[in-house]
mmCIF file of all heavy atoms, coordinates in Angstrom:
data_MODEL
# 
_entry.id   MODEL 
# 
loop_
_atom_site.group_PDB 
_atom_site.id 
_atom_site.type_symbol 
_atom_site.label_atom_id 
_atom_site.label_alt_id 
_atom_site.label_comp_id 
_atom_site.label_asym_id 
_atom_site.label_entity_id 
_atom_site.label_seq_id 
_atom_site.pdbx_PDB_ins_code 
_atom_site.Cartn_x 
_atom_site.Cartn_y 
_atom_site.Cartn_z 
_atom_site.occupancy 
_atom_site.B_iso_or_equiv 
_atom_site.pdbx_formal_charge 
_atom_site.auth_seq_id 
_atom_site.auth_comp_id 
_atom_site.auth_asym_id 
_atom_site.auth_atom_id 
_atom_site.pdbx_PDB_model_num 
ATOM 1   N N   . THR A 1 1  ? -23.114 -0.510  1.174  1.00 0.00 ? 1  THR A N   1 
ATOM 2   C CA  . THR A 1 1  ? -22.024 -1.440  1.479  1.00 0.00 ? 1  THR A CA  1 
ATOM 3   C C   . THR A 1 1  ? -20.797 -1.120  0.633  1.00 0.00 ? 1  THR A C   1 
ATOM 4   O O   . THR A 1 1  ? -19.669 -1.102  1.117  1.00 0.00 ? 1  THR A O   1 
ATOM 5   C CB  . THR A 1 1  ? -22.478 -2.886  1.217  1.00 0.00 ? 1  THR A CB  1 
ATOM 6   O OG1 . THR A 1 1  ? -23.650 -3.139  1.959  1.00 0.00 ? 1  THR A OG1 1 
ATOM 7   C CG2 . THR A 1 1  ? -21.386 -3.871  1.610  1.00 0.00 ? 1  THR A CG2 1 
ATOM 8   N N   . MET A 1 2  ? -21.017 -0.838  -0.660 1.00 0.00 ? 2  MET A N   1 
ATOM 9   C CA  . MET A 1 2  ? -19.901 -0.513  -1.547 1.00 0.00 ? 2  MET A CA  1 
ATOM 10  C C   . MET A 1 2  ? -19.223 0.774   -1.101 1.00 0.00 ? 2  MET A C   1 
ATOM 11  O O   . MET A 1 2  ? -17.998 0.905   -1.159 1.00 0.00 ? 2  MET A O   1 
ATOM 12  C CB  . MET A 1 2  ? -20.398 -0.370  -2.986 1.00 0.00 ? 2  MET A CB  1 
ATOM 13  C CG  . MET A 1 2  ? -20.888 -1.686  -3.599 1.00 0.00 ? 2  MET A CG  1 
ATOM 14  S SD  . MET A 1 2  ? -21.603 -1.456  -5.240 1.00 0.00 ? 2  MET A SD  1 
ATOM 15  C CE  . MET A 1 2  ? -20.179 -0.811  -6.105 1.00 0.00 ? 2  MET A CE  1 
ATOM 16  N N   . MET A 1 3  ? -20.014 1.751   -0.630 1.00 0.00 ? 3  MET A N   1 
ATOM 17  C CA  . MET A 1 3  ? -19.431 3.014   -0.161 1.00 0.00 ? 3  MET A CA  1 
ATOM 18  C C   . MET A 1 3  ? -18.542 2.774   1.054  1.00 0.00 ? 3  MET A C   1 
ATOM 19  O O   . MET A 1 3  ? -17.489 3.403   1.213  1.00 0.00 ? 3  MET A O   1 
ATOM 20  C CB  . MET A 1 3  ? -20.531 4.020   0.163  1.00 0.00 ? 3  MET A CB  1 
ATOM 21  C CG  . MET A 1 3  ? -21.281 4.523   -1.062 1.00 0.00 ? 3  MET A CG  1 
ATOM 22  S SD  . MET A 1 3  ? -22.636 5.637   -0.622 1.00 0.00 ? 3  MET A SD  1 
ATOM 23  C CE  . MET A 1 3  ? -21.721 6.962   0.149  1.00 0.00 ? 3  MET A CE  1 
ATOM 24  N N   . VAL A 1 4  ? -18.978 1.845   1.925  1.00 0.00 ? 4  VAL A N   1 
ATOM 25  C CA  . VAL A 1 4  ? -18.144 1.526   3.075  1.00 0.00 ? 4  VAL A CA  1 
ATOM 26  C C   . VAL A 1 4  ? -16.836 0.909   2.617  1.00 0.00 ? 4  VAL A C   1 
ATOM 27  O O   . VAL A 1 4  ? -15.758 1.240   3.103  1.00 0.00 ? 4  VAL A O   1 
ATOM 28  C CB  . VAL A 1 4  ? -18.892 0.588   4.042  1.00 0.00 ? 4  VAL A CB  1 
ATOM 29  C CG1 . VAL A 1 4  ? -17.966 0.132   5.160  1.00 0.00 ? 4  VAL A CG1 1 
ATOM 30  C CG2 . VAL A 1 4  ? -20.094 1.299   4.622  1.00 0.00 ? 4  VAL A CG2 1 
ATOM 31  N N   . PHE A 1 5  ? -16.924 -0.002  1.622  1.00 0.00 ? 5  PHE A N   1 
ATOM 32  C CA  . PHE A 1 5  ? -15.708 -0.586  1.071  1.00 0.00 ? 5  PHE A CA  1 
ATOM 33  C C   . PHE A 1 5  ? -14.770 0.509   0.565  1.00 0.00 ? 5  PHE A C   1 
ATOM 34  O O   . PHE A 1 5  ? -13.570 0.503   0.819  1.00 0.00 ? 5  PHE A O   1 
ATOM 35  C CB  . PHE A 1 5  ? -16.048 -1.516  -0.102 1.00 0.00 ? 5  PHE A CB  1 
ATOM 36  C CG  . PHE A 1 5  ? -16.209 -2.952  0.310  1.00 0.00 ? 5  PHE A CG  1 
ATOM 37  C CD1 . PHE A 1 5  ? -17.432 -3.600  0.160  1.00 0.00 ? 5  PHE A CD1 1 
ATOM 38  C CD2 . PHE A 1 5  ? -15.135 -3.653  0.843  1.00 0.00 ? 5  PHE A CD2 1 
ATOM 39  C CE1 . PHE A 1 5  ? -17.573 -4.920  0.531  1.00 0.00 ? 5  PHE A CE1 1 
ATOM 40  C CE2 . PHE A 1 5  ? -15.276 -4.982  1.202  1.00 0.00 ? 5  PHE A CE2 1 
ATOM 41  C CZ  . PHE A 1 5  ? -16.504 -5.621  1.047  1.00 0.00 ? 5  PHE A CZ  1 
ATOM 42  N N   . MET A 1 6  ? -15.337 1.469   -0.153 1.00 0.00 ? 6  MET A N   1 
ATOM 43  C CA  . MET A 1 6  ? -14.527 2.537   -0.730 1.00 0.00 ? 6  MET A CA  1 
ATOM 44  C C   . MET A 1 6  ? -13.945 3.415   0.346  1.00 0.00 ? 6  MET A C   1 
ATOM 45  O O   . MET A 1 6  ? -12.804 3.875   0.256  1.00 0.00 ? 6  MET A O   1 
ATOM 46  C CB  . MET A 1 6  ? -15.365 3.365   -1.703 1.00 0.00 ? 6  MET A CB  1 
ATOM 47  C CG  . MET A 1 6  ? -15.830 2.585   -2.936 1.00 0.00 ? 6  MET A CG  1 
ATOM 48  S SD  . MET A 1 6  ? -17.040 3.498   -3.917 1.00 0.00 ? 6  MET A SD  1 
ATOM 49  C CE  . MET A 1 6  ? -16.080 4.932   -4.379 1.00 0.00 ? 6  MET A CE  1 
ATOM 50  N N   . SER A 1 7  ? -14.713 3.670   1.418  1.00 0.00 ? 7  SER A N   1 
ATOM 51  C CA  . SER A 1 7  ? -14.215 4.572   2.454  1.00 0.00 ? 7  SER A CA  1 
ATOM 52  C C   . SER A 1 7  ? -13.120 3.934   3.278  1.00 0.00 ? 7  SER A C   1 
ATOM 53  O O   . SER A 1 7  ? -12.254 4.610   3.803  1.00 0.00 ? 7  SER A O   1 
ATOM 54  C CB  . SER A 1 7  ? -15.370 4.991   3.375  1.00 0.00 ? 7  SER A CB  1 
ATOM 55  O OG  . SER A 1 7  ? -15.854 3.877   4.096  1.00 0.00 ? 7  SER A OG  1 
ATOM 56  N N   . VAL A 1 8  ? -13.155 2.586   3.396  1.00 0.00 ? 8  VAL A N   1 
ATOM 57  C CA  . VAL A 1 8  ? -12.098 1.925   4.158  1.00 0.00 ? 8  VAL A CA  1 
ATOM 58  C C   . VAL A 1 8  ? -10.771 2.079   3.448  1.00 0.00 ? 8  VAL A C   1 
ATOM 59  O O   . VAL A 1 8  ? -9.743  2.348   4.065  1.00 0.00 ? 8  VAL A O   1 
ATOM 60  C CB  . VAL A 1 8  ? -12.454 0.431   4.348  1.00 0.00 ? 8  VAL A CB  1 
ATOM 61  C CG1 . VAL A 1 8  ? -11.302 -0.308  4.997  1.00 0.00 ? 8  VAL A CG1 1 
ATOM 62  C CG2 . VAL A 1 8  ? -13.706 0.313   5.206  1.00 0.00 ? 8  VAL A CG2 1 
ATOM 63  N N   . GLY A 1 9  ? -10.770 1.915   2.117  1.00 0.00 ? 9  GLY A N   1 
ATOM 64  C CA  . GLY A 1 9  ? -9.547  2.102   1.355  1.00 0.00 ? 9  GLY A CA  1 
ATOM 65  C C   . GLY A 1 9  ? -8.443  1.171   1.805  1.00 0.00 ? 9  GLY A C   1 
ATOM 66  O O   . GLY A 1 9  ? -7.327  1.579   2.058  1.00 0.00 ? 9  GLY A O   1 
ATOM 67  N N   . LEU A 1 10 ? -8.747  -0.126  1.943  1.00 0.00 ? 10 LEU A N   1 
ATOM 68  C CA  . LEU A 1 10 ? -7.763  -1.091  2.419  1.00 0.00 ? 10 LEU A CA  1 
ATOM 69  C C   . LEU A 1 10 ? -6.598  -1.159  1.445  1.00 0.00 ? 10 LEU A C   1 
ATOM 70  O O   . LEU A 1 10 ? -6.766  -1.063  0.238  1.00 0.00 ? 10 LEU A O   1 
ATOM 71  C CB  . LEU A 1 10 ? -8.402  -2.470  2.555  1.00 0.00 ? 10 LEU A CB  1 
ATOM 72  C CG  . LEU A 1 10 ? -9.607  -2.552  3.499  1.00 0.00 ? 10 LEU A CG  1 
ATOM 73  C CD1 . LEU A 1 10 ? -10.110 -3.972  3.565  1.00 0.00 ? 10 LEU A CD1 1 
ATOM 74  C CD2 . LEU A 1 10 ? -9.223  -2.059  4.885  1.00 0.00 ? 10 LEU A CD2 1 
ATOM 75  N N   . SER A 1 11 ? -5.389  -1.352  1.964  1.00 0.00 ? 11 SER A N   1 
ATOM 76  C CA  . SER A 1 11 ? -4.205  -1.475  1.129  1.00 0.00 ? 11 SER A CA  1 
ATOM 77  C C   . SER A 1 11 ? -3.375  -2.641  1.604  1.00 0.00 ? 11 SER A C   1 
ATOM 78  O O   . SER A 1 11 ? -3.364  -2.973  2.774  1.00 0.00 ? 11 SER A O   1 
ATOM 79  C CB  . SER A 1 11 ? -3.367  -0.196  1.164  1.00 0.00 ? 11 SER A CB  1 
ATOM 80  O OG  . SER A 1 11 ? -2.964  0.069   2.486  1.00 0.00 ? 11 SER A OG  1 
ATOM 81  N N   . ILE A 1 12 ? -2.685  -3.251  0.668  1.00 0.00 ? 12 ILE A N   1 
ATOM 82  C CA  . ILE A 1 12 ? -1.863  -4.409  0.991  1.00 0.00 ? 12 ILE A CA  1 
ATOM 83  C C   . ILE A 1 12 ? -0.493  -3.919  1.415  1.00 0.00 ? 12 ILE A C   1 
ATOM 84  O O   . ILE A 1 12 ? 0.150   -3.155  0.696  1.00 0.00 ? 12 ILE A O   1 
ATOM 85  C CB  . ILE A 1 12 ? -1.737  -5.331  -0.228 1.00 0.00 ? 12 ILE A CB  1 
ATOM 86  C CG1 . ILE A 1 12 ? -3.130  -5.774  -0.670 1.00 0.00 ? 12 ILE A CG1 1 
ATOM 87  C CG2 . ILE A 1 12 ? -0.859  -6.533  0.070  1.00 0.00 ? 12 ILE A CG2 1 
ATOM 88  C CD1 . ILE A 1 12 ? -3.136  -6.548  -1.969 1.00 0.00 ? 12 ILE A CD1 1 
ATOM 89  N N   . PRO A 1 13 ? 0.002   -4.316  2.562  1.00 0.00 ? 13 PRO A N   1 
ATOM 90  C CA  . PRO A 1 13 ? 1.319   -3.854  2.988  1.00 0.00 ? 13 PRO A CA  1 
ATOM 91  C C   . PRO A 1 13 ? 2.416   -4.346  2.050  1.00 0.00 ? 13 PRO A C   1 
ATOM 92  O O   . PRO A 1 13 ? 2.337   -5.440  1.519  1.00 0.00 ? 13 PRO A O   1 
ATOM 93  C CB  . PRO A 1 13 ? 1.478   -4.465  4.388  1.00 0.00 ? 13 PRO A CB  1 
ATOM 94  C CG  . PRO A 1 13 ? 0.503   -5.589  4.440  1.00 0.00 ? 13 PRO A CG  1 
ATOM 95  C CD  . PRO A 1 13 ? -0.625  -5.220  3.539  1.00 0.00 ? 13 PRO A CD  1 
ATOM 96  N N   . VAL A 1 14 ? 3.432   -3.489  1.830  1.00 0.00 ? 14 VAL A N   1 
ATOM 97  C CA  . VAL A 1 14 ? 4.554   -3.865  0.979  1.00 0.00 ? 14 VAL A CA  1 
ATOM 98  C C   . VAL A 1 14 ? 5.387   -4.920  1.684  1.00 0.00 ? 14 VAL A C   1 
ATOM 99  O O   . VAL A 1 14 ? 5.695   -4.775  2.861  1.00 0.00 ? 14 VAL A O   1 
ATOM 100 C CB  . VAL A 1 14 ? 5.435   -2.624  0.693  1.00 0.00 ? 14 VAL A CB  1 
ATOM 101 C CG1 . VAL A 1 14 ? 6.649   -3.023  -0.126 1.00 0.00 ? 14 VAL A CG1 1 
ATOM 102 C CG2 . VAL A 1 14 ? 4.623   -1.582  -0.052 1.00 0.00 ? 14 VAL A CG2 1 
ATOM 103 N N   . PRO A 1 15 ? 5.755   -6.025  1.024  1.00 0.00 ? 15 PRO A N   1 
ATOM 104 C CA  . PRO A 1 15 ? 6.622   -7.015  1.660  1.00 0.00 ? 15 PRO A CA  1 
ATOM 105 C C   . PRO A 1 15 ? 7.903   -6.364  2.153  1.00 0.00 ? 15 PRO A C   1 
ATOM 106 O O   . PRO A 1 15 ? 8.414   -5.438  1.531  1.00 0.00 ? 15 PRO A O   1 
ATOM 107 C CB  . PRO A 1 15 ? 6.896   -8.018  0.521  1.00 0.00 ? 15 PRO A CB  1 
ATOM 108 C CG  . PRO A 1 15 ? 5.765   -7.848  -0.427 1.00 0.00 ? 15 PRO A CG  1 
ATOM 109 C CD  . PRO A 1 15 ? 5.362   -6.405  -0.344 1.00 0.00 ? 15 PRO A CD  1 
ATOM 110 N N   . HIS A 1 16 ? 8.421   -6.868  3.265  1.00 0.00 ? 16 HIS A N   1 
ATOM 111 C CA  . HIS A 1 16 ? 9.578   -6.241  3.900  1.00 0.00 ? 16 HIS A CA  1 
ATOM 112 C C   . HIS A 1 16 ? 10.763  -6.118  2.950  1.00 0.00 ? 16 HIS A C   1 
ATOM 113 O O   . HIS A 1 16 ? 11.455  -5.112  2.923  1.00 0.00 ? 16 HIS A O   1 
ATOM 114 C CB  . HIS A 1 16 ? 9.985   -7.035  5.138  1.00 0.00 ? 16 HIS A CB  1 
ATOM 115 C CG  . HIS A 1 16 ? 11.180  -6.475  5.848  1.00 0.00 ? 16 HIS A CG  1 
ATOM 116 N ND1 . HIS A 1 16 ? 11.128  -5.303  6.560  1.00 0.00 ? 16 HIS A ND1 1 
ATOM 117 C CD2 . HIS A 1 16 ? 12.466  -6.909  5.915  1.00 0.00 ? 16 HIS A CD2 1 
ATOM 118 C CE1 . HIS A 1 16 ? 12.321  -5.042  7.057  1.00 0.00 ? 16 HIS A CE1 1 
ATOM 119 N NE2 . HIS A 1 16 ? 13.148  -5.996  6.678  1.00 0.00 ? 16 HIS A NE2 1 
ATOM 120 N N   . GLN A 1 17 ? 10.988  -7.163  2.118  1.00 0.00 ? 17 GLN A N   1 
ATOM 121 C CA  . GLN A 1 17 ? 12.145  -7.126  1.251  1.00 0.00 ? 17 GLN A CA  1 
ATOM 122 C C   . GLN A 1 17 ? 11.998  -6.091  0.147  1.00 0.00 ? 17 GLN A C   1 
ATOM 123 O O   . GLN A 1 17 ? 12.969  -5.739  -0.506 1.00 0.00 ? 17 GLN A O   1 
ATOM 124 C CB  . GLN A 1 17 ? 12.402  -8.512  0.623  1.00 0.00 ? 17 GLN A CB  1 
ATOM 125 C CG  . GLN A 1 17 ? 11.287  -9.007  -0.294 1.00 0.00 ? 17 GLN A CG  1 
ATOM 126 C CD  . GLN A 1 17 ? 10.247  -9.804  0.469  1.00 0.00 ? 17 GLN A CD  1 
ATOM 127 O OE1 . GLN A 1 17 ? 10.109  -9.666  1.685  1.00 0.00 ? 17 GLN A OE1 1 
ATOM 128 N NE2 . GLN A 1 17 ? 9.521   -10.662 -0.230 1.00 0.00 ? 17 GLN A NE2 1 
ATOM 129 N N   . ASP A 1 18 ? 10.774  -5.558  -0.103 1.00 0.00 ? 18 ASP A N   1 
ATOM 130 C CA  . ASP A 1 18 ? 10.561  -4.576  -1.159 1.00 0.00 ? 18 ASP A CA  1 
ATOM 131 C C   . ASP A 1 18 ? 10.581  -3.141  -0.644 1.00 0.00 ? 18 ASP A C   1 
ATOM 132 O O   . ASP A 1 18 ? 10.554  -2.206  -1.445 1.00 0.00 ? 18 ASP A O   1 
ATOM 133 C CB  . ASP A 1 18 ? 9.221   -4.831  -1.856 1.00 0.00 ? 18 ASP A CB  1 
ATOM 134 C CG  . ASP A 1 18 ? 9.189   -6.163  -2.571 1.00 0.00 ? 18 ASP A CG  1 
ATOM 135 O OD1 . ASP A 1 18 ? 10.257  -6.673  -2.922 1.00 0.00 ? 18 ASP A OD1 1 
ATOM 136 O OD2 . ASP A 1 18 ? 8.077   -6.665  -2.764 1.00 0.00 ? 18 ASP A OD2 1 
ATOM 137 N N   . GLN A 1 19 ? 10.588  -2.935  0.663  1.00 0.00 ? 19 GLN A N   1 
ATOM 138 C CA  . GLN A 1 19 ? 10.488  -1.580  1.209  1.00 0.00 ? 19 GLN A CA  1 
ATOM 139 C C   . GLN A 1 19 ? 11.678  -0.719  0.790  1.00 0.00 ? 19 GLN A C   1 
ATOM 140 O O   . GLN A 1 19 ? 11.521  0.429   0.367  1.00 0.00 ? 19 GLN A O   1 
ATOM 141 C CB  . GLN A 1 19 ? 10.384  -1.646  2.730  1.00 0.00 ? 19 GLN A CB  1 
ATOM 142 C CG  . GLN A 1 19 ? 9.102   -2.300  3.225  1.00 0.00 ? 19 GLN A CG  1 
ATOM 143 C CD  . GLN A 1 19 ? 9.092   -2.469  4.730  1.00 0.00 ? 19 GLN A CD  1 
ATOM 144 O OE1 . GLN A 1 19 ? 10.073  -2.160  5.411  1.00 0.00 ? 19 GLN A OE1 1 
ATOM 145 N NE2 . GLN A 1 19 ? 8.002   -2.972  5.264  1.00 0.00 ? 19 GLN A NE2 1 
ATOM 146 N N   . HIS A 1 20 ? 12.865  -1.278  0.917  1.00 0.00 ? 20 HIS A N   1 
ATOM 147 C CA  . HIS A 1 20 ? 14.060  -0.527  0.531  1.00 0.00 ? 20 HIS A CA  1 
ATOM 148 C C   . HIS A 1 20 ? 14.031  -0.220  -0.961 1.00 0.00 ? 20 HIS A C   1 
ATOM 149 O O   . HIS A 1 20 ? 14.344  0.892   -1.391 1.00 0.00 ? 20 HIS A O   1 
ATOM 150 C CB  . HIS A 1 20 ? 15.308  -1.333  0.886  1.00 0.00 ? 20 HIS A CB  1 
ATOM 151 C CG  . HIS A 1 20 ? 16.572  -0.759  0.350  1.00 0.00 ? 20 HIS A CG  1 
ATOM 152 N ND1 . HIS A 1 20 ? 17.001  0.506   0.665  1.00 0.00 ? 20 HIS A ND1 1 
ATOM 153 C CD2 . HIS A 1 20 ? 17.506  -1.275  -0.486 1.00 0.00 ? 20 HIS A CD2 1 
ATOM 154 C CE1 . HIS A 1 20 ? 18.143  0.742   0.051  1.00 0.00 ? 20 HIS A CE1 1 
ATOM 155 N NE2 . HIS A 1 20 ? 18.466  -0.318  -0.665 1.00 0.00 ? 20 HIS A NE2 1 
ATOM 156 N N   . GLN A 1 21 ? 13.632  -1.197  -1.766 1.00 0.00 ? 21 GLN A N   1 
ATOM 157 C CA  . GLN A 1 21 ? 13.550  -1.015  -3.209 1.00 0.00 ? 21 GLN A CA  1 
ATOM 158 C C   . GLN A 1 21 ? 12.605  0.126   -3.563 1.00 0.00 ? 21 GLN A C   1 
ATOM 159 O O   . GLN A 1 21 ? 12.905  0.962   -4.431 1.00 0.00 ? 21 GLN A O   1 
ATOM 160 C CB  . GLN A 1 21 ? 13.067  -2.327  -3.819 1.00 0.00 ? 21 GLN A CB  1 
ATOM 161 C CG  . GLN A 1 21 ? 13.367  -2.526  -5.286 1.00 0.00 ? 21 GLN A CG  1 
ATOM 162 C CD  . GLN A 1 21 ? 13.001  -3.924  -5.715 1.00 0.00 ? 21 GLN A CD  1 
ATOM 163 O OE1 . GLN A 1 21 ? 11.855  -4.351  -5.533 1.00 0.00 ? 21 GLN A OE1 1 
ATOM 164 N NE2 . GLN A 1 21 ? 13.939  -4.656  -6.257 1.00 0.00 ? 21 GLN A NE2 1 
ATOM 165 N N   . TYR A 1 22 ? 11.476  0.184   -2.888 1.00 0.00 ? 22 TYR A N   1 
ATOM 166 C CA  . TYR A 1 22 ? 10.477  1.225   -3.160 1.00 0.00 ? 22 TYR A CA  1 
ATOM 167 C C   . TYR A 1 22 ? 11.028  2.613   -2.819 1.00 0.00 ? 22 TYR A C   1 
ATOM 168 O O   . TYR A 1 22 ? 10.914  3.560   -3.595 1.00 0.00 ? 22 TYR A O   1 
ATOM 169 C CB  . TYR A 1 22 ? 9.213   0.932   -2.362 1.00 0.00 ? 22 TYR A CB  1 
ATOM 170 C CG  . TYR A 1 22 ? 8.006   1.735   -2.823 1.00 0.00 ? 22 TYR A CG  1 
ATOM 171 C CD1 . TYR A 1 22 ? 7.059   1.175   -3.659 1.00 0.00 ? 22 TYR A CD1 1 
ATOM 172 C CD2 . TYR A 1 22 ? 7.821   3.049   -2.404 1.00 0.00 ? 22 TYR A CD2 1 
ATOM 173 C CE1 . TYR A 1 22 ? 5.952   1.906   -4.082 1.00 0.00 ? 22 TYR A CE1 1 
ATOM 174 C CE2 . TYR A 1 22 ? 6.724   3.776   -2.823 1.00 0.00 ? 22 TYR A CE2 1 
ATOM 175 C CZ  . TYR A 1 22 ? 5.794   3.208   -3.659 1.00 0.00 ? 22 TYR A CZ  1 
ATOM 176 O OH  . TYR A 1 22 ? 4.724   3.938   -4.061 1.00 0.00 ? 22 TYR A OH  1 
ATOM 177 N N   . SER A 1 23 ? 11.636  2.728   -1.633 1.00 0.00 ? 23 SER A N   1 
ATOM 178 C CA  . SER A 1 23 ? 12.135  4.038   -1.206 1.00 0.00 ? 23 SER A CA  1 
ATOM 179 C C   . SER A 1 23 ? 13.261  4.521   -2.102 1.00 0.00 ? 23 SER A C   1 
ATOM 180 O O   . SER A 1 23 ? 13.362  5.713   -2.402 1.00 0.00 ? 23 SER A O   1 
ATOM 181 C CB  . SER A 1 23 ? 12.603  3.974   0.247  1.00 0.00 ? 23 SER A CB  1 
ATOM 182 O OG  . SER A 1 23 ? 13.633  3.024   0.400  1.00 0.00 ? 23 SER A OG  1 
ATOM 183 N N   . ARG A 1 24 ? 14.116  3.601   -2.571 1.00 0.00 ? 24 ARG A N   1 
ATOM 184 C CA  . ARG A 1 24 ? 15.188  4.008   -3.476 1.00 0.00 ? 24 ARG A CA  1 
ATOM 185 C C   . ARG A 1 24 ? 14.606  4.440   -4.825 1.00 0.00 ? 24 ARG A C   1 
ATOM 186 O O   . ARG A 1 24 ? 15.129  5.350   -5.467 1.00 0.00 ? 24 ARG A O   1 
ATOM 187 C CB  . ARG A 1 24 ? 16.167  2.855   -3.674 1.00 0.00 ? 24 ARG A CB  1 
ATOM 188 C CG  . ARG A 1 24 ? 16.728  2.267   -2.401 1.00 0.00 ? 24 ARG A CG  1 
ATOM 189 C CD  . ARG A 1 24 ? 17.558  3.236   -1.605 1.00 0.00 ? 24 ARG A CD  1 
ATOM 190 N NE  . ARG A 1 24 ? 18.913  3.306   -2.090 1.00 0.00 ? 24 ARG A NE  1 
ATOM 191 C CZ  . ARG A 1 24 ? 19.855  4.041   -1.506 1.00 0.00 ? 24 ARG A CZ  1 
ATOM 192 N NH1 . ARG A 1 24 ? 19.560  4.752   -0.446 1.00 0.00 ? 24 ARG A NH1 1 
ATOM 193 N NH2 . ARG A 1 24 ? 21.075  4.080   -1.993 1.00 0.00 ? 24 ARG A NH2 1 
ATOM 194 N N   . GLY A 1 25 ? 13.524  3.788   -5.241 1.00 0.00 ? 25 GLY A N   1 
ATOM 195 C CA  . GLY A 1 25 ? 12.878  4.206   -6.474 1.00 0.00 ? 25 GLY A CA  1 
ATOM 196 C C   . GLY A 1 25 ? 12.311  5.609   -6.379 1.00 0.00 ? 25 GLY A C   1 
ATOM 197 O O   . GLY A 1 25 ? 12.405  6.402   -7.323 1.00 0.00 ? 25 GLY A O   1 
ATOM 198 N N   . VAL A 1 26 ? 11.739  5.954   -5.225 1.00 0.00 ? 26 VAL A N   1 
ATOM 199 C CA  . VAL A 1 26 ? 11.216  7.306   -5.019 1.00 0.00 ? 26 VAL A CA  1 
ATOM 200 C C   . VAL A 1 26 ? 12.359  8.314   -5.048 1.00 0.00 ? 26 VAL A C   1 
ATOM 201 O O   . VAL A 1 26 ? 12.237  9.402   -5.631 1.00 0.00 ? 26 VAL A O   1 
ATOM 202 C CB  . VAL A 1 26 ? 10.447  7.381   -3.687 1.00 0.00 ? 26 VAL A CB  1 
ATOM 203 C CG1 . VAL A 1 26 ? 10.075  8.821   -3.357 1.00 0.00 ? 26 VAL A CG1 1 
ATOM 204 C CG2 . VAL A 1 26 ? 9.193   6.521   -3.754 1.00 0.00 ? 26 VAL A CG2 1 
ATOM 205 N N   . ASP A 1 27 ? 13.489  7.978   -4.438 1.00 0.00 ? 27 ASP A N   1 
ATOM 206 C CA  . ASP A 1 27 ? 14.655  8.855   -4.506 1.00 0.00 ? 27 ASP A CA  1 
ATOM 207 C C   . ASP A 1 27 ? 15.083  9.088   -5.951 1.00 0.00 ? 27 ASP A C   1 
ATOM 208 O O   . ASP A 1 27 ? 15.423  10.209  -6.348 1.00 0.00 ? 27 ASP A O   1 
ATOM 209 C CB  . ASP A 1 27 ? 15.827  8.235   -3.729 1.00 0.00 ? 27 ASP A CB  1 
ATOM 210 C CG  . ASP A 1 27 ? 15.764  8.556   -2.255 1.00 0.00 ? 27 ASP A CG  1 
ATOM 211 O OD1 . ASP A 1 27 ? 14.963  9.426   -1.875 1.00 0.00 ? 27 ASP A OD1 1 
ATOM 212 O OD2 . ASP A 1 27 ? 16.509  7.936   -1.480 1.00 0.00 ? 27 ASP A OD2 1 
# 
């Protein structure tokens, strides 16, 4: 069961207002 959890690799989507902030940080 734990291996299935690990293989799914669920991630929390970035809030819409933070998307621009994140991309500018990568730049």
